[in-house]
C-alpha atoms as a PDB file:
ATOM      1  CA  UNK A   1      30.598 154.251  79.091  1.00  0.00           C
ATOM      2  CA  UNK A   2      33.833 153.879  77.142  1.00  0.00           C
ATOM      3  CA  UNK A   3      35.668 153.043  80.358  1.00  0.00           C
ATOM      4  CA  UNK A   4      33.232 150.211  81.132  1.00  0.00           C
ATOM      5  CA  UNK A   5      33.527 148.984  77.556  1.00  0.00           C
ATOM      6  CA  UNK A   6      37.334 148.981  77.817  1.00  0.00           C
ATOM      7  CA  UNK A   7      37.287 147.310  81.234  1.00  0.00           C
ATOM      8  CA  UNK A   8      35.015 144.432  80.098  1.00  0.00           C
ATOM      9  CA  UNK A   9      37.741 141.905  79.052  1.00  0.00           C
ATOM     10  CA  UNK A  10      39.881 142.733  82.103  1.00  0.00           C
ATOM     11  CA  UNK A  11      36.982 142.169  84.503  1.00  0.00           C
ATOM     12  CA  UNK A  12      36.119 138.857  82.850  1.00  0.00           C
ATOM     13  CA  UNK A  13      39.798 137.829  82.908  1.00  0.00           C
ATOM     14  CA  UNK A  14      39.953 138.517  86.651  1.00  0.00           C
ATOM     15  CA  UNK A  15      36.704 136.664  87.403  1.00  0.00           C
ATOM     16  CA  UNK A  16      37.722 133.659  85.304  1.00  0.00           C
ATOM     17  CA  UNK A  17      41.146 133.589  86.968  1.00  0.00           C
ATOM     18  CA  UNK A  18      39.543 133.457  90.415  1.00  0.00           C
ATOM     19  CA  UNK A  19      37.463 130.415  89.467  1.00  0.00           C
ATOM     20  CA  UNK A  20      39.534 128.515  86.928  1.00  0.00           C
ATOM     21  CA  UNK A  21      43.129 129.751  86.684  1.00  0.00           C
ATOM     22  CA  UNK A  22      45.327 131.501  84.169  1.00  0.00           C
ATOM     23  CA  UNK A  23      44.588 129.390  81.090  1.00  0.00           C
ATOM     24  CA  UNK A  24      40.805 129.634  81.303  1.00  0.00           C
ATOM     25  CA  UNK A  25      41.137 133.336  82.148  1.00  0.00           C
ATOM     26  CA  UNK A  26      43.319 133.829  79.083  1.00  0.00           C
ATOM     27  CA  UNK A  27      40.762 132.098  76.871  1.00  0.00           C
ATOM     28  CA  UNK A  28      37.998 134.216  78.376  1.00  0.00           C
ATOM     29  CA  UNK A  29      40.001 137.405  77.795  1.00  0.00           C
ATOM     30  CA  UNK A  30      40.571 136.456  74.157  1.00  0.00           C
ATOM     31  CA  UNK A  31      36.870 135.676  73.664  1.00  0.00           C
ATOM     32  CA  UNK A  32      35.810 138.881  75.442  1.00  0.00           C
ATOM     33  CA  UNK A  33      38.174 140.966  73.318  1.00  0.00           C
ATOM     34  CA  UNK A  34      36.902 139.396  70.111  1.00  0.00           C
ATOM     35  CA  UNK A  35      33.321 139.990  71.276  1.00  0.00           C
ATOM     36  CA  UNK A  36      34.212 143.593  72.086  1.00  0.00           C
ATOM     37  CA  UNK A  37      35.693 144.035  68.604  1.00  0.00           C
ATOM     38  CA  UNK A  38      32.641 142.460  66.939  1.00  0.00           C
ATOM     39  CA  UNK A  39      30.297 144.649  69.002  1.00  0.00           C
ATOM     40  CA  UNK A  40      32.195 147.784  68.014  1.00  0.00           C
ATOM     41  CA  UNK A  41      32.192 146.709  64.362  1.00  0.00           C
ATOM     42  CA  UNK A  42      28.556 145.639  64.016  1.00  0.00           C
ATOM     43  CA  UNK A  43      26.702 147.686  66.628  1.00  0.00           C
ATOM     44  CA  UNK A  44      28.733 150.861  67.074  1.00  0.00           C
ATOM     45  CA  UNK A  45      29.797 150.811  63.389  1.00  0.00           C
ATOM     46  CA  UNK A  46      33.270 152.018  64.337  1.00  0.00           C
ATOM     47  CA  UNK A  47      36.317 150.289  65.749  1.00  0.00           C
ATOM     48  CA  UNK A  48      38.844 152.595  67.362  1.00  0.00           C
ATOM     49  CA  UNK A  49      42.434 151.907  66.245  1.00  0.00           C
ATOM     50  CA  UNK A  50      43.587 151.047  69.768  1.00  0.00           C
ATOM     51  CA  UNK A  51      40.845 148.407  70.031  1.00  0.00           C
ATOM     52  CA  UNK A  52      42.282 146.738  66.942  1.00  0.00           C
ATOM     53  CA  UNK A  53      45.781 146.878  68.446  1.00  0.00           C
ATOM     54  CA  UNK A  54      44.639 145.622  71.837  1.00  0.00           C
ATOM     55  CA  UNK A  55      42.670 142.748  70.314  1.00  0.00           C
ATOM     56  CA  UNK A  56      45.560 141.655  68.099  1.00  0.00           C
ATOM     57  CA  UNK A  57      47.941 141.724  71.072  1.00  0.00           C
ATOM     58  CA  UNK A  58      45.603 139.688  73.319  1.00  0.00           C
ATOM     59  CA  UNK A  59      44.943 137.158  70.559  1.00  0.00           C
ATOM     60  CA  UNK A  60      48.654 136.753  69.792  1.00  0.00           C
ATOM     61  CA  UNK A  61      50.003 136.697  73.348  1.00  0.00           C
ATOM     62  CA  UNK A  62      46.990 134.903  74.797  1.00  0.00           C
ATOM     63  CA  UNK A  63      47.122 132.424  71.936  1.00  0.00           C
ATOM     64  CA  UNK A  64      50.812 131.760  72.609  1.00  0.00           C
ATOM     65  CA  UNK A  65      50.017 131.255  76.292  1.00  0.00           C
ATOM     66  CA  UNK A  66      47.385 128.644  75.460  1.00  0.00           C
ATOM     67  CA  UNK A  67      49.257 126.960  72.607  1.00  0.00           C
ATOM     68  CA  UNK A  68      52.567 126.697  74.461  1.00  0.00           C
ATOM     69  CA  UNK A  69      50.957 126.199  77.875  1.00  0.00           C
ATOM     70  CA  UNK A  70      53.131 129.007  79.220  1.00  0.00           C
ATOM     71  CA  UNK A  71      51.672 131.932  81.212  1.00  0.00           C
ATOM     72  CA  UNK A  72      54.720 134.108  80.544  1.00  0.00           C
ATOM     73  CA  UNK A  73      53.188 135.311  77.290  1.00  0.00           C
ATOM     74  CA  UNK A  74      49.979 136.612  78.841  1.00  0.00           C
ATOM     75  CA  UNK A  75      52.078 138.305  81.513  1.00  0.00           C
ATOM     76  CA  UNK A  76      53.996 140.132  78.776  1.00  0.00           C
ATOM     77  CA  UNK A  77      50.790 141.259  77.039  1.00  0.00           C
ATOM     78  CA  UNK A  78      50.183 144.407  79.167  1.00  0.00           C
ATOM     79  CA  UNK A  79      53.797 145.485  78.728  1.00  0.00           C
ATOM     80  CA  UNK A  80      53.628 145.070  74.963  1.00  0.00           C
ATOM     81  CA  UNK A  81      50.379 147.041  74.861  1.00  0.00           C
ATOM     82  CA  UNK A  82      51.774 149.839  77.064  1.00  0.00           C
ATOM     83  CA  UNK A  83      54.938 150.036  74.982  1.00  0.00           C
ATOM     84  CA  UNK A  84      52.882 150.176  71.777  1.00  0.00           C
ATOM     85  CA  UNK A  85      50.991 153.116  73.310  1.00  0.00           C
ATOM     86  CA  UNK A  86      54.344 154.717  74.164  1.00  0.00           C
ATOM     87  CA  UNK A  87      55.675 154.289  70.647  1.00  0.00           C
ATOM     88  CA  UNK A  88      52.476 155.556  69.028  1.00  0.00           C
ATOM     89  CA  UNK A  89      52.491 158.691  71.188  1.00  0.00           C
ATOM     90  CA  UNK A  90      56.174 159.407  70.557  1.00  0.00           C
ATOM     91  CA  UNK A  91      56.265 158.557  66.845  1.00  0.00           C
ATOM     92  CA  UNK A  92      53.120 160.549  66.146  1.00  0.00           C
ATOM     93  CA  UNK A  93      54.503 163.542  68.050  1.00  0.00           C
ATOM     94  CA  UNK A  94      58.076 163.609  66.786  1.00  0.00           C
ATOM     95  CA  UNK A  95      57.844 162.155  63.286  1.00  0.00           C
ATOM     96  CA  UNK A  96      54.268 162.836  62.202  1.00  0.00           C
ATOM     97  CA  UNK A  97      53.961 166.117  64.148  1.00  0.00           C
ATOM     98  CA  UNK A  98      50.590 165.027  65.577  1.00  0.00           C
ATOM     99  CA  UNK A  99      49.834 165.143  69.277  1.00  0.00           C
ATOM    100  CA  UNK A 100      47.378 162.319  69.981  1.00  0.00           C
ATOM    101  CA  UNK A 101      46.591 163.458  73.524  1.00  0.00           C
ATOM    102  CA  UNK A 102      45.649 166.824  72.082  1.00  0.00           C
ATOM    103  CA  UNK A 103      43.528 165.195  69.382  1.00  0.00           C
ATOM    104  CA  UNK A 104      41.742 163.190  72.059  1.00  0.00           C
ATOM    105  CA  UNK A 105      40.988 166.117  74.389  1.00  0.00           C
ATOM    106  CA  UNK A 106      41.050 169.374  72.424  1.00  0.00           C
ATOM    107  CA  UNK A 107      37.284 169.497  71.907  1.00  0.00           C
ATOM    108  CA  UNK A 108      36.833 169.714  75.688  1.00  0.00           C
ATOM    109  CA  UNK A 109      39.749 171.954  76.581  1.00  0.00           C
ATOM    110  CA  UNK A 110      42.082 174.515  75.027  1.00  0.00           C
ATOM    111  CA  UNK A 111      45.663 174.386  76.251  1.00  0.00           C
ATOM    112  CA  UNK A 112      48.888 176.099  75.227  1.00  0.00           C
ATOM    113  CA  UNK A 113      50.962 174.071  72.750  1.00  0.00           C
ATOM    114  CA  UNK A 114      53.729 173.493  75.293  1.00  0.00           C
ATOM    115  CA  UNK A 115      51.253 171.988  77.747  1.00  0.00           C
ATOM    116  CA  UNK A 116      49.880 169.633  75.084  1.00  0.00           C
ATOM    117  CA  UNK A 117      53.452 168.592  74.322  1.00  0.00           C
ATOM    118  CA  UNK A 118      54.212 167.957  77.997  1.00  0.00           C
ATOM    119  CA  UNK A 119      50.992 165.958  78.476  1.00  0.00           C
ATOM    120  CA  UNK A 120      51.844 163.802  75.478  1.00  0.00           C
ATOM    121  CA  UNK A 121      55.341 163.146  76.829  1.00  0.00           C
ATOM    122  CA  UNK A 122      53.953 162.474  80.307  1.00  0.00           C
ATOM    123  CA  UNK A 123      51.570 159.832  78.948  1.00  0.00           C
ATOM    124  CA  UNK A 124      54.331 158.245  76.883  1.00  0.00           C
ATOM    125  CA  UNK A 125      56.576 158.114  79.949  1.00  0.00           C
ATOM    126  CA  UNK A 126      53.772 156.766  82.100  1.00  0.00           C
ATOM    127  CA  UNK A 127      53.006 153.933  79.676  1.00  0.00           C
ATOM    128  CA  UNK A 128      56.708 153.100  79.313  1.00  0.00           C
ATOM    129  CA  UNK A 129      57.121 152.950  83.112  1.00  0.00           C
ATOM    130  CA  UNK A 130      53.932 150.922  83.550  1.00  0.00           C
ATOM    131  CA  UNK A 131      55.280 148.404  81.044  1.00  0.00           C
ATOM    132  CA  UNK A 132      58.506 148.060  83.011  1.00  0.00           C
ATOM    133  CA  UNK A 133      56.593 147.772  86.282  1.00  0.00           C
ATOM    134  CA  UNK A 134      54.353 145.044  84.836  1.00  0.00           C
ATOM    135  CA  UNK A 135      57.378 142.944  83.855  1.00  0.00           C
ATOM    136  CA  UNK A 136      58.925 143.510  87.270  1.00  0.00           C
ATOM    137  CA  UNK A 137      55.790 142.320  89.070  1.00  0.00           C
ATOM    138  CA  UNK A 138      55.302 139.400  86.659  1.00  0.00           C
ATOM    139  CA  UNK A 139      58.918 138.287  87.141  1.00  0.00           C
ATOM    140  CA  UNK A 140      59.260 138.758  90.894  1.00  0.00           C
ATOM    141  CA  UNK A 141      55.875 137.901  92.370  1.00  0.00           C
ATOM    142  CA  UNK A 142      53.402 135.060  92.235  1.00  0.00           C
ATOM    143  CA  UNK A 143      50.945 134.714  89.389  1.00  0.00           C
ATOM    144  CA  UNK A 144      48.095 135.606  91.746  1.00  0.00           C
ATOM    145  CA  UNK A 145      49.821 138.835  92.787  1.00  0.00           C
ATOM    146  CA  UNK A 146      50.512 139.674  89.144  1.00  0.00           C
ATOM    147  CA  UNK A 147      46.825 139.205  88.224  1.00  0.00           C
ATOM    148  CA  UNK A 148      45.765 141.506  91.052  1.00  0.00           C
ATOM    149  CA  UNK A 149      48.399 144.050  90.022  1.00  0.00           C
ATOM    150  CA  UNK A 150      47.280 143.860  86.379  1.00  0.00           C
ATOM    151  CA  UNK A 151      43.641 144.460  87.268  1.00  0.00           C
ATOM    152  CA  UNK A 152      43.786 146.748  90.307  1.00  0.00           C
ATOM    153  CA  UNK A 153      47.343 148.064  90.500  1.00  0.00           C
ATOM    154  CA  UNK A 154      47.520 149.328  86.931  1.00  0.00           C
ATOM    155  CA  UNK A 155      44.069 150.886  87.191  1.00  0.00           C
ATOM    156  CA  UNK A 156      44.981 152.531  90.512  1.00  0.00           C
ATOM    157  CA  UNK A 157      48.229 153.876  89.111  1.00  0.00           C
ATOM    158  CA  UNK A 158      46.372 155.241  86.105  1.00  0.00           C
ATOM    159  CA  UNK A 159      43.893 157.046  88.365  1.00  0.00           C
ATOM    160  CA  UNK A 160      46.745 158.471  90.458  1.00  0.00           C
ATOM    161  CA  UNK A 161      48.438 159.609  87.257  1.00  0.00           C
ATOM    162  CA  UNK A 162      45.275 161.252  85.888  1.00  0.00           C
ATOM    163  CA  UNK A 163      44.304 163.224  89.018  1.00  0.00           C
ATOM    164  CA  UNK A 164      47.078 165.861  88.891  1.00  0.00           C
ATOM    165  CA  UNK A 165      46.579 166.197  85.136  1.00  0.00           C
ATOM    166  CA  UNK A 166      42.848 166.732  85.617  1.00  0.00           C
ATOM    167  CA  UNK A 167      43.572 169.482  88.123  1.00  0.00           C
ATOM    168  CA  UNK A 168      46.016 171.133  85.725  1.00  0.00           C
ATOM    169  CA  UNK A 169      43.695 170.815  82.730  1.00  0.00           C
ATOM    170  CA  UNK A 170      40.642 171.990  84.688  1.00  0.00           C
ATOM    171  CA  UNK A 171      42.194 175.445  84.915  1.00  0.00           C
ATOM    172  CA  UNK A 172      41.866 175.696  81.137  1.00  0.00           C
ATOM    173  CA  UNK A 173      38.366 174.298  80.649  1.00  0.00           C
ATOM    174  CA  UNK A 174      36.051 176.882  79.191  1.00  0.00           C
ATOM    175  CA  UNK A 175      32.736 177.389  80.903  1.00  0.00           C
ATOM    176  CA  UNK A 176      30.197 177.327  78.056  1.00  0.00           C
ATOM    177  CA  UNK A 177      27.109 178.078  80.155  1.00  0.00           C
ATOM    178  CA  UNK A 178      25.328 181.228  78.993  1.00  0.00           C
ATOM    179  CA  UNK A 179      25.535 184.237  81.300  1.00  0.00           C
END
Protein backbone atom coordinates (compact mmCIF):
# COMPACT_ATOMS: atom_id res chain seq x y z
CA UNK A 1 0.00 0.00 0.00
CA UNK A 2 2.86 2.36 0.82
CA UNK A 3 4.35 1.73 -2.61
CA UNK A 4 1.10 2.74 -4.33
CA UNK A 5 0.87 5.79 -2.09
CA UNK A 6 4.44 6.79 -2.99
CA UNK A 7 3.88 6.13 -6.70
CA UNK A 8 0.72 8.30 -6.89
CA UNK A 9 2.37 11.65 -7.88
CA UNK A 10 4.73 9.93 -10.34
CA UNK A 11 1.87 8.14 -12.09
CA UNK A 12 -0.14 11.37 -12.34
CA UNK A 13 2.95 13.22 -13.61
CA UNK A 14 3.41 10.63 -16.36
CA UNK A 15 -0.26 10.65 -17.38
CA UNK A 16 -0.40 14.46 -17.44
CA UNK A 17 2.81 14.59 -19.48
CA UNK A 18 1.34 12.27 -22.10
CA UNK A 19 -1.69 14.52 -22.57
CA UNK A 20 -0.47 18.04 -21.86
CA UNK A 21 3.32 18.30 -21.66
CA UNK A 22 5.94 19.03 -19.04
CA UNK A 23 4.45 22.17 -17.50
CA UNK A 24 1.00 20.73 -16.86
CA UNK A 25 2.62 17.51 -15.63
CA UNK A 26 4.77 19.52 -13.24
CA UNK A 27 1.73 21.33 -11.87
CA UNK A 28 -0.09 18.02 -11.48
CA UNK A 29 2.89 16.50 -9.66
CA UNK A 30 3.02 19.46 -7.27
CA UNK A 31 -0.73 19.23 -6.61
CA UNK A 32 -0.57 15.44 -6.17
CA UNK A 33 2.33 15.74 -3.73
CA UNK A 34 0.53 18.38 -1.69
CA UNK A 35 -2.60 16.20 -1.68
CA UNK A 36 -0.48 13.23 -0.58
CA UNK A 37 0.99 15.30 2.26
CA UNK A 38 -2.46 16.54 3.34
CA UNK A 39 -3.85 12.99 3.24
CA UNK A 40 -0.99 11.71 5.39
CA UNK A 41 -1.44 14.60 7.82
CA UNK A 42 -5.23 14.53 8.20
CA UNK A 43 -6.20 10.92 7.48
CA UNK A 44 -3.18 8.84 8.44
CA UNK A 45 -2.27 11.28 11.26
CA UNK A 46 1.42 10.85 10.49
CA UNK A 47 3.70 12.30 7.84
CA UNK A 48 6.91 10.37 7.29
CA UNK A 49 10.00 12.60 7.19
CA UNK A 50 10.86 11.62 3.61
CA UNK A 51 7.37 12.68 2.48
CA UNK A 52 8.07 16.14 3.88
CA UNK A 53 11.43 16.23 2.07
CA UNK A 54 9.99 14.94 -1.19
CA UNK A 55 7.11 17.42 -1.11
CA UNK A 56 9.39 20.37 -0.40
CA UNK A 57 11.70 19.35 -3.24
CA UNK A 58 8.84 18.95 -5.76
CA UNK A 59 7.29 22.26 -4.72
CA UNK A 60 10.60 24.11 -4.98
CA UNK A 61 11.92 22.55 -8.19
CA UNK A 62 8.50 22.21 -9.80
CA UNK A 63 7.70 25.77 -8.79
CA UNK A 64 10.94 27.01 -10.37
CA UNK A 65 10.09 25.08 -13.53
CA UNK A 66 6.70 26.77 -13.76
CA UNK A 67 7.80 30.23 -12.65
CA UNK A 68 10.85 30.38 -14.92
CA UNK A 69 9.24 28.35 -17.71
CA UNK A 70 12.28 26.08 -17.72
CA UNK A 71 11.98 22.27 -17.53
CA UNK A 72 15.58 21.89 -16.37
CA UNK A 73 14.50 22.34 -12.76
CA UNK A 74 11.98 19.51 -12.76
CA UNK A 75 14.59 17.32 -14.44
CA UNK A 76 16.97 18.04 -11.55
CA UNK A 77 14.33 17.19 -8.93
CA UNK A 78 14.90 13.39 -8.89
CA UNK A 79 18.66 13.89 -8.61
CA UNK A 80 18.28 16.29 -5.70
CA UNK A 81 15.92 13.86 -3.97
CA UNK A 82 18.25 10.88 -4.54
CA UNK A 83 21.24 12.85 -3.29
CA UNK A 84 19.30 13.94 -0.20
CA UNK A 85 18.59 10.24 0.45
CA UNK A 86 22.30 9.53 0.00
CA UNK A 87 23.33 12.25 2.42
CA UNK A 88 20.74 11.23 5.02
CA UNK A 89 21.90 7.61 4.91
CA UNK A 90 25.58 8.51 5.15
CA UNK A 91 25.30 11.29 7.74
CA UNK A 92 23.03 9.21 9.95
CA UNK A 93 25.41 6.25 9.73
CA UNK A 94 28.76 7.98 10.16
CA UNK A 95 27.96 11.01 12.31
CA UNK A 96 24.83 10.03 14.22
CA UNK A 97 25.73 6.31 14.43
CA UNK A 98 22.22 5.33 13.28
CA UNK A 99 21.63 2.93 10.43
CA UNK A 100 18.35 3.97 8.78
CA UNK A 101 18.09 0.85 6.61
CA UNK A 102 18.35 -1.20 9.77
CA UNK A 103 15.74 0.94 11.52
CA UNK A 104 13.42 0.44 8.56
CA UNK A 105 13.78 -3.36 8.34
CA UNK A 106 14.94 -4.73 11.69
CA UNK A 107 11.45 -5.66 12.87
CA UNK A 108 11.18 -8.10 9.95
CA UNK A 109 14.71 -9.45 9.88
CA UNK A 110 17.76 -9.85 12.11
CA UNK A 111 21.09 -9.37 10.38
CA UNK A 112 24.69 -9.14 11.56
CA UNK A 113 25.88 -5.56 12.14
CA UNK A 114 28.32 -5.73 9.23
CA UNK A 115 25.52 -6.69 6.85
CA UNK A 116 23.36 -3.79 8.03
CA UNK A 117 26.32 -1.49 7.45
CA UNK A 118 26.89 -2.85 3.94
CA UNK A 119 23.18 -2.55 3.06
CA UNK A 120 23.17 1.06 4.23
CA UNK A 121 26.24 1.84 2.13
CA UNK A 122 24.78 -0.02 -0.85
CA UNK A 123 21.59 2.07 -0.71
CA UNK A 124 23.58 5.28 -0.36
CA UNK A 125 25.70 4.32 -3.36
CA UNK A 126 22.65 3.30 -5.35
CA UNK A 127 20.89 6.62 -4.73
CA UNK A 128 24.06 8.58 -5.55
CA UNK A 129 24.47 6.67 -8.84
CA UNK A 130 20.78 7.03 -9.70
CA UNK A 131 21.11 10.78 -9.23
CA UNK A 132 24.05 10.90 -11.62
CA UNK A 133 22.23 8.70 -14.13
CA UNK A 134 19.15 10.94 -13.99
CA UNK A 135 21.23 14.02 -14.85
CA UNK A 136 22.94 12.12 -17.65
CA UNK A 137 19.63 11.08 -19.20
CA UNK A 138 18.10 14.54 -18.68
CA UNK A 139 21.11 16.20 -20.34
CA UNK A 140 21.67 13.82 -23.24
CA UNK A 141 18.23 12.64 -24.30
CA UNK A 142 14.92 14.16 -25.26
CA UNK A 143 12.44 15.30 -22.65
CA UNK A 144 10.13 12.42 -23.60
CA UNK A 145 12.89 9.87 -23.05
CA UNK A 146 13.76 11.49 -19.72
CA UNK A 147 10.12 11.27 -18.54
CA UNK A 148 9.99 7.58 -19.45
CA UNK A 149 13.33 7.00 -17.71
CA UNK A 150 12.14 8.87 -14.61
CA UNK A 151 8.96 6.81 -14.36
CA UNK A 152 9.96 3.38 -15.67
CA UNK A 153 13.75 3.32 -15.77
CA UNK A 154 14.29 4.42 -12.18
CA UNK A 155 11.61 2.04 -10.93
CA UNK A 156 13.10 -0.82 -12.96
CA UNK A 157 16.59 -0.09 -11.67
CA UNK A 158 15.26 0.00 -8.12
CA UNK A 159 13.62 -3.41 -8.57
CA UNK A 160 16.83 -4.83 -10.05
CA UNK A 161 18.75 -3.39 -7.11
CA UNK A 162 16.33 -4.83 -4.53
CA UNK A 163 16.18 -8.40 -5.88
CA UNK A 164 19.70 -9.53 -4.87
CA UNK A 165 19.27 -7.82 -1.50
CA UNK A 166 15.97 -9.62 -0.93
CA UNK A 167 17.66 -12.93 -1.66
CA UNK A 168 20.48 -12.11 0.76
CA UNK A 169 18.13 -10.87 3.48
CA UNK A 170 15.72 -13.79 3.05
CA UNK A 171 18.39 -16.12 4.43
CA UNK A 172 18.09 -14.27 7.74
CA UNK A 173 14.32 -13.97 8.03
CA UNK A 174 13.02 -15.83 11.04
CA UNK A 175 10.13 -18.17 10.50
CA UNK A 176 7.67 -17.28 13.28
CA UNK A 177 5.09 -19.97 12.51
CA UNK A 178 4.49 -22.26 15.48
CA UNK A 179 5.79 -25.82 15.15
